[in-house]
Every structure is written in C-alpha cells, then in structure tokens.
Protein backbone atom coordinates (compact mmCIF):
# COMPACT_ATOMS: atom_id res chain seq x y z
CA UNK A 1 5.60 17.67 -19.39
CA UNK A 2 7.82 20.41 -17.99
CA UNK A 3 9.96 21.20 -15.01
CA UNK A 4 8.24 22.85 -12.07
CA UNK A 5 10.13 25.37 -9.98
CA UNK A 6 8.51 26.73 -6.85
CA UNK A 7 8.39 30.48 -7.29
CA UNK A 8 9.86 32.29 -4.33
CA UNK A 9 7.39 35.06 -3.53
CA UNK A 10 8.99 36.51 -0.42
CA UNK A 11 10.83 39.30 -2.22
CA UNK A 12 8.10 40.19 -4.76
CA UNK A 13 7.11 43.84 -4.38
CA UNK A 14 3.56 44.81 -3.45
CA UNK A 15 1.75 47.94 -4.64
CA UNK A 16 3.60 50.16 -2.15
CA UNK A 17 7.04 48.76 -2.92
CA UNK A 18 7.38 46.45 0.09
CA UNK A 19 8.70 42.91 -0.31
CA UNK A 20 6.28 40.09 0.52
CA UNK A 21 8.32 38.80 3.45
CA UNK A 22 8.14 42.16 5.22
CA UNK A 23 4.43 41.81 6.06
CA UNK A 24 3.23 38.27 5.41
CA UNK A 25 4.08 34.60 5.96
CA UNK A 26 4.27 32.88 2.55
CA UNK A 27 3.00 29.28 2.67
CA UNK A 28 3.97 26.76 -0.04
CA UNK A 29 2.09 23.51 -0.74
CA UNK A 30 3.07 20.51 -2.86
CA UNK A 31 -0.39 20.12 -4.43
CA UNK A 32 -3.94 21.45 -4.33
CA UNK A 33 -4.89 18.52 -2.08
CA UNK A 34 -2.68 19.92 0.66
CA UNK A 35 -5.36 22.57 1.30
CA UNK A 36 -7.74 19.91 2.57
CA UNK A 37 -5.86 18.63 5.59
CA UNK A 38 -4.45 20.08 8.79
CA UNK A 39 -1.95 17.93 10.70
CA UNK A 40 -1.46 18.04 14.47
CA UNK A 41 2.18 18.44 15.55
CA UNK A 42 4.15 15.78 17.39
CA UNK A 43 4.73 16.82 21.03
CA UNK A 44 7.88 14.69 21.43
CA UNK A 45 11.02 16.79 21.92
CA UNK A 46 13.57 14.73 20.01
CA UNK A 47 15.77 15.95 17.16
CA UNK A 48 18.17 14.03 14.90
CA UNK A 49 20.84 16.05 13.09
CA UNK A 50 22.96 14.90 10.12
CA UNK A 51 25.79 17.11 8.83
CA UNK A 52 29.15 17.26 7.04
CA UNK A 53 29.31 13.68 5.71
CA UNK A 54 32.74 12.35 4.83
CA UNK A 55 32.27 11.84 1.11
CA UNK A 56 35.41 9.72 0.69
CA UNK A 57 35.66 7.91 4.02
CA UNK A 58 34.99 4.38 2.78
CA UNK A 59 36.00 4.29 -0.86
CA UNK A 60 37.12 0.81 -1.82
CA UNK A 61 39.66 1.67 -4.47
CA UNK A 62 43.34 0.72 -4.79
CA UNK A 63 44.29 4.32 -5.49
CA UNK A 64 43.82 7.43 -3.42
CA UNK A 65 41.33 9.70 -5.19
CA UNK A 66 40.46 11.84 -2.19
CA UNK A 67 41.58 15.06 -3.90
CA UNK A 68 39.41 14.54 -6.98
CA UNK A 69 36.41 13.55 -4.88
CA UNK A 70 36.79 16.56 -2.63
CA UNK A 71 36.77 18.77 -5.73
CA UNK A 72 33.50 17.19 -6.89
CA UNK A 73 31.87 17.18 -3.46
CA UNK A 74 33.73 19.54 -1.13
CA UNK A 75 33.31 19.07 2.59
CA UNK A 76 30.87 21.41 4.34
CA UNK A 77 32.60 22.39 7.59
CA UNK A 78 30.03 25.09 8.36
CA UNK A 79 27.33 22.42 8.57
CA UNK A 80 29.06 20.73 11.50
CA UNK A 81 29.35 24.11 13.22
CA UNK A 82 25.67 24.56 12.39
CA UNK A 83 24.49 21.43 14.18
CA UNK A 84 26.76 22.04 17.19
CA UNK A 85 24.88 25.32 17.67
CA UNK A 86 21.50 23.70 16.99
CA UNK A 87 22.21 20.96 19.54
CA UNK A 88 23.10 23.54 22.19
CA UNK A 89 19.99 25.63 21.47
CA UNK A 90 17.63 22.65 21.66
CA UNK A 91 19.24 20.98 24.67
CA UNK A 92 18.86 24.21 26.61
CA UNK A 93 15.12 23.71 26.05
CA UNK A 94 15.34 20.09 27.26
CA UNK A 95 15.27 18.43 23.87
CA UNK A 96 16.88 15.05 23.27
CA UNK A 97 19.33 15.54 20.40
CA UNK A 98 21.31 12.93 18.43
CA UNK A 99 23.98 14.05 15.94
CA UNK A 100 25.61 12.19 13.05
CA UNK A 101 28.66 13.66 11.27
CA UNK A 102 31.54 12.48 9.06
CA UNK A 103 31.39 8.71 8.41
CA UNK A 104 28.40 8.35 10.78
CA UNK A 105 26.30 10.61 8.53
CA UNK A 106 25.40 7.62 6.39
CA UNK A 107 22.33 6.36 4.59
CA UNK A 108 22.25 3.35 6.90
CA UNK A 109 22.07 5.53 10.02
CA UNK A 110 19.46 7.78 8.46
CA UNK A 111 17.29 4.80 7.55
CA UNK A 112 17.45 3.58 11.16
CA UNK A 113 15.76 6.71 12.51
CA UNK A 114 12.24 6.27 13.83
CA UNK A 115 10.31 9.43 13.23
CA UNK A 116 12.04 12.07 15.35
CA UNK A 117 10.07 15.27 15.81
CA UNK A 118 12.77 17.18 13.89
CA UNK A 119 15.08 15.64 11.29
CA UNK A 120 17.82 17.99 10.11
CA UNK A 121 20.03 17.07 7.13
CA UNK A 122 22.89 19.34 6.07
CA UNK A 123 24.70 17.97 3.02
CA UNK A 124 24.92 18.24 -0.76
CA UNK A 125 21.70 17.69 -2.67
CA UNK A 126 21.37 17.02 -6.39
CA UNK A 127 18.71 17.65 -9.04
CA UNK A 128 19.26 16.79 -12.70
CA UNK A 129 17.59 19.11 -15.19
CA UNK A 130 16.57 16.52 -17.76
CA UNK A 131 13.98 15.97 -20.48
CA UNK A 132 10.99 14.43 -18.72
CA UNK A 133 8.45 14.39 -21.59
CA UNK A 134 8.23 10.59 -21.56
CA UNK A 135 9.37 9.94 -18.02
CA UNK A 136 7.37 7.95 -15.50
CA UNK A 137 7.12 9.11 -11.88
CA UNK A 138 9.31 6.30 -10.53
CA UNK A 139 12.04 7.06 -13.05
CA UNK A 140 12.09 10.77 -12.24
CA UNK A 141 12.83 9.99 -8.59
CA UNK A 142 16.19 8.50 -9.61
CA UNK A 143 17.53 11.88 -10.68
CA UNK A 144 17.22 13.84 -7.44
CA UNK A 145 18.38 13.10 -3.92
CA UNK A 146 21.03 13.79 -1.29
CA UNK A 147 24.63 12.71 -0.78
CA UNK A 148 25.82 11.14 2.46
CA UNK A 149 29.11 9.49 3.49
CA UNK A 150 31.19 7.84 0.75
CA UNK A 151 29.02 9.19 -2.01
CA UNK A 152 31.39 8.97 -4.97
CA UNK A 153 33.77 6.33 -6.27
CA UNK A 154 36.15 6.82 -9.17
CA UNK A 155 36.93 3.89 -11.41
CA UNK A 156 40.47 2.56 -11.45
CA UNK A 157 41.23 4.33 -14.72
CA UNK A 158 40.17 7.61 -13.10
CA UNK A 159 37.68 8.19 -15.93
CA UNK A 160 34.28 7.20 -14.58
CA UNK A 161 32.46 8.45 -11.50
CA UNK A 162 30.40 5.70 -9.93
CA UNK A 163 27.62 6.24 -7.41
CA UNK A 164 27.77 4.13 -4.26
CA UNK A 165 24.21 2.97 -3.63
CA UNK A 166 24.87 2.93 0.10
CA UNK A 167 25.82 6.60 0.15
CA UNK A 168 23.36 8.29 -2.22
CA UNK A 169 19.79 8.58 -1.00
CA UNK A 170 17.52 9.14 -3.99
CA UNK A 171 14.02 10.54 -3.82
CA UNK A 172 12.35 7.16 -4.34
CA UNK A 173 14.29 5.73 -1.35
CA UNK A 174 13.42 8.72 0.84
CA UNK A 175 9.75 7.74 0.56
CA UNK A 176 10.51 4.59 2.58
CA UNK A 177 11.93 6.40 5.63
CA UNK A 178 10.00 6.06 8.89
CA UNK A 179 8.67 9.59 9.38
CA UNK A 180 5.06 8.85 10.28
CA UNK A 181 5.19 11.00 13.43
CA UNK A 182 7.76 13.50 12.22
CA UNK A 183 6.88 17.15 12.63
CA UNK A 184 9.60 18.79 10.54
CA UNK A 185 12.40 17.90 8.11
CA UNK A 186 14.99 20.61 7.46
CA UNK A 187 17.03 20.12 4.27
CA UNK A 188 19.96 22.48 4.67
CA UNK A 189 21.27 21.59 1.22
CA UNK A 190 21.29 22.95 -2.32
CA UNK A 191 18.44 22.44 -4.81
CA UNK A 192 16.26 20.35 -2.49
CA UNK A 193 13.13 22.31 -3.40
CA UNK A 194 13.29 21.49 -7.12
CA UNK A 195 10.78 19.08 -8.62
CA UNK A 196 9.46 17.48 -11.81
CA UNK A 197 5.92 18.29 -12.91
CA UNK A 198 4.54 14.84 -13.72
CA UNK A 199 0.94 15.34 -12.56
CA UNK A 200 -1.47 18.24 -12.65
CA UNK A 201 -0.86 20.60 -9.77
CA UNK A 202 1.96 18.60 -8.13
CA UNK A 203 5.76 18.58 -8.29
CA UNK A 204 7.76 15.44 -7.52
CA UNK A 205 11.20 15.63 -5.92
CA UNK A 206 13.10 15.32 -2.66
CA UNK A 207 10.77 17.49 -0.61
CA UNK A 208 7.65 15.61 -1.72
CA UNK A 209 9.34 12.28 -0.98
CA UNK A 210 9.91 13.34 2.63
CA UNK A 211 6.26 14.34 2.86
CA UNK A 212 5.18 10.98 1.43
CA UNK A 213 7.37 9.29 4.07
CA UNK A 214 5.24 11.04 6.70
CA UNK A 215 6.91 14.37 7.43
CA UNK A 216 4.32 17.03 8.21
CA UNK A 217 6.48 19.93 7.10
CA UNK A 218 9.68 20.23 5.04
CA UNK A 219 12.06 23.17 4.71
CA UNK A 220 13.99 23.00 1.44
CA UNK A 221 15.89 25.27 -0.96
CA UNK A 222 15.25 26.50 -4.49
CA UNK A 223 18.86 27.11 -5.52
CA UNK A 224 22.46 26.53 -4.48
CA UNK A 225 22.77 28.25 -1.13
CA UNK A 226 25.97 29.80 0.33
CA UNK A 227 27.38 27.73 3.19
CA UNK A 228 28.19 30.53 5.65
CA UNK A 229 24.93 32.50 5.30
CA UNK A 230 22.91 29.28 5.37
CA UNK A 231 24.52 28.37 8.69
CA UNK A 232 23.58 31.79 10.09
CA UNK A 233 19.99 31.53 8.86
CA UNK A 234 19.46 27.99 10.14
CA UNK A 235 20.84 28.79 13.60
CA UNK A 236 18.53 31.81 13.81
CA UNK A 237 15.62 29.60 12.73
CA UNK A 238 16.23 27.12 15.53
CA UNK A 239 16.67 29.89 18.06
CA UNK A 240 13.28 31.25 17.02
CA UNK A 241 11.77 27.75 17.35
CA UNK A 242 13.31 27.40 20.82
CA UNK A 243 11.77 30.75 21.74
CA UNK A 244 8.32 29.31 21.00
CA UNK A 245 7.65 30.37 17.41
CA UNK A 246 5.87 28.00 15.01
CA UNK A 247 8.03 26.80 12.12
CA UNK A 248 6.63 29.18 9.51
CA UNK A 249 7.07 32.23 11.73
CA UNK A 250 10.50 31.07 12.87
CA UNK A 251 11.67 30.74 9.26
CA UNK A 252 10.26 34.10 8.23
CA UNK A 253 11.92 35.83 11.19
CA UNK A 254 15.25 34.16 10.41
CA UNK A 255 15.01 35.30 6.79
CA UNK A 256 14.24 38.84 7.87
CA UNK A 257 17.21 38.77 10.23
CA UNK A 258 19.52 37.64 7.40
CA UNK A 259 17.87 40.10 5.01
CA UNK A 260 18.83 42.94 7.35
CA UNK A 261 22.47 41.86 7.03
CA UNK A 262 22.55 40.64 3.42
CA UNK A 263 20.03 42.56 1.33
CA UNK A 264 20.13 40.37 -1.79
CA UNK A 265 17.53 37.55 -1.82
CA UNK A 266 20.23 35.11 -2.93
CA UNK A 267 21.34 34.82 0.69
CA UNK A 268 17.95 34.26 2.32
CA UNK A 269 15.25 33.75 -0.34
CA UNK A 270 15.95 30.12 -1.30
CA UNK A 271 14.36 28.57 1.78
CA UNK A 272 10.70 27.56 1.61
CA UNK A 273 8.46 25.57 3.94
CA UNK A 274 6.06 22.96 2.51
CA UNK A 275 3.22 21.29 4.39
CA UNK A 276 1.85 17.79 3.96
CA UNK A 277 -1.61 17.20 2.51
C-alpha cells in the first residue's frame, strides 16, 4: 500500500515549452470507473456557502485557551470575504444563496443541507500522512477531513488536544451527507485533494467521500493554499460560472487569470476538479 497524490499536470511543459493549462482543460478522475458514466447537471439554482468557522466558539473548558487554539487553527478572514463576493455574484444571476459563518458554520448545519446545486466549504482541512500498509478503508477515513466550528478542545492541564466530534467532519462522515442531486462541491481548504491508495486505481479521501455522498463534481486542493490568492481565484471561478462557463472551463480560466498575476504554480496549481463515476 502507498499514498496516492494526484499529480497536477497543468504546469507540465509540452514539446514546445508551453504549460498544459495554456491550451487544454485537464480532467481528473477518482478511478478508472469514472470514465464509464456521464452525469446530467442539476438545474436548480441554489448555493450553500460555509466559511470562516469560529474554531473556539463553544469550548466547554474552565480556562480560556482561545489564544492557543487560534495558533493551532487560525481564523480565515479572507474566506468570509470570499463568500460575501460569491453570494453577490450568484444573486445577481438570480441564485438562491444561504451562507453559514462563525459559529453557524457547524457540522450540524452542514449535515442539515439537502443537496444544493453548489456546496462551498472554506475552512481548514486535514490529511495525516501515515503508514497505511495494514489499514482498512474505513480506518483510513478517520485520518482526513475538515474542521468546522469549535474544532479543538484543550484538556484542563493544557497538555492534550482533544477533537470535538461535533466540530470535525471526517471523510467517513462526509459519505453520509445528502448530496444526491448536488452538481458541485468546492473545497476551498488545504490538502483536500490528498488520498490513500487502498484499491487498484482509486484514491480514498475527502474528495472521494463527497463523490460517494452524491456530488457530481468536486473541486479540491493538492497542497496548503495561500488564503489571499485562493480568495482571488475562487471569486474569479464563480464569476466565470455566472458568465455561463461550465465548471471545468471556469476553473481553468480562473487559474490562468491568477497565473498572469502570480507566475508560480504554488498560487494557482493546487486546485483540481474531479468528476463522479
């Protein structure tokens, strides 16, 4: 067994020295089976946006450990700015948009959602690089997920970090979300495109869990992405979608727009789009 990392091809040079993204749309799939099916998009114009969870808003602890928690999981103020812009862009095109920020950006509220056409989640993701030689699929899905409100609790002796089960959404729990009619999930978070190779030709992680839950397409990231440039790229993506582009084209155009401003692939190359099988 070994870790699988999706290879980002968009800045690989071709035989005339041009990067892949300059001429082609690069399509990523979670398995070989994904080649067999084509899904029809949901025509509903409803988006649900989660951003900037308050990671210490409901910590039940006799001491105030907000400073330590903020150091471990800093707030993401650009993500709230991000969804304010997304909401404006989509509402101008007569979309129904619901937003959840701070303490309302919780696992409970996410689990209540009933298959919006677009689900956007901007928060911290996590992926543990561990030895998976003897790991079962179900076990691997414990080690990757996303943080929402009140994600961390410190013990009273300030030595142990405890995970609040109501504020950490792991990959195995993501599979149970109601996304049967969802058209797109956008994971504007770090490391959400990583996965464990536990079966031939397939990687298991956050992105695959959203696809199993029913999402037709998932945008995720291959490394820790910078907050400010990610906000710029995501806003450009949604503007391109609002202008009528399909999701793949909209993402490619947004990456090219950021590439023109920030040449290094670090700023724009992490985002990939996966399609369901």
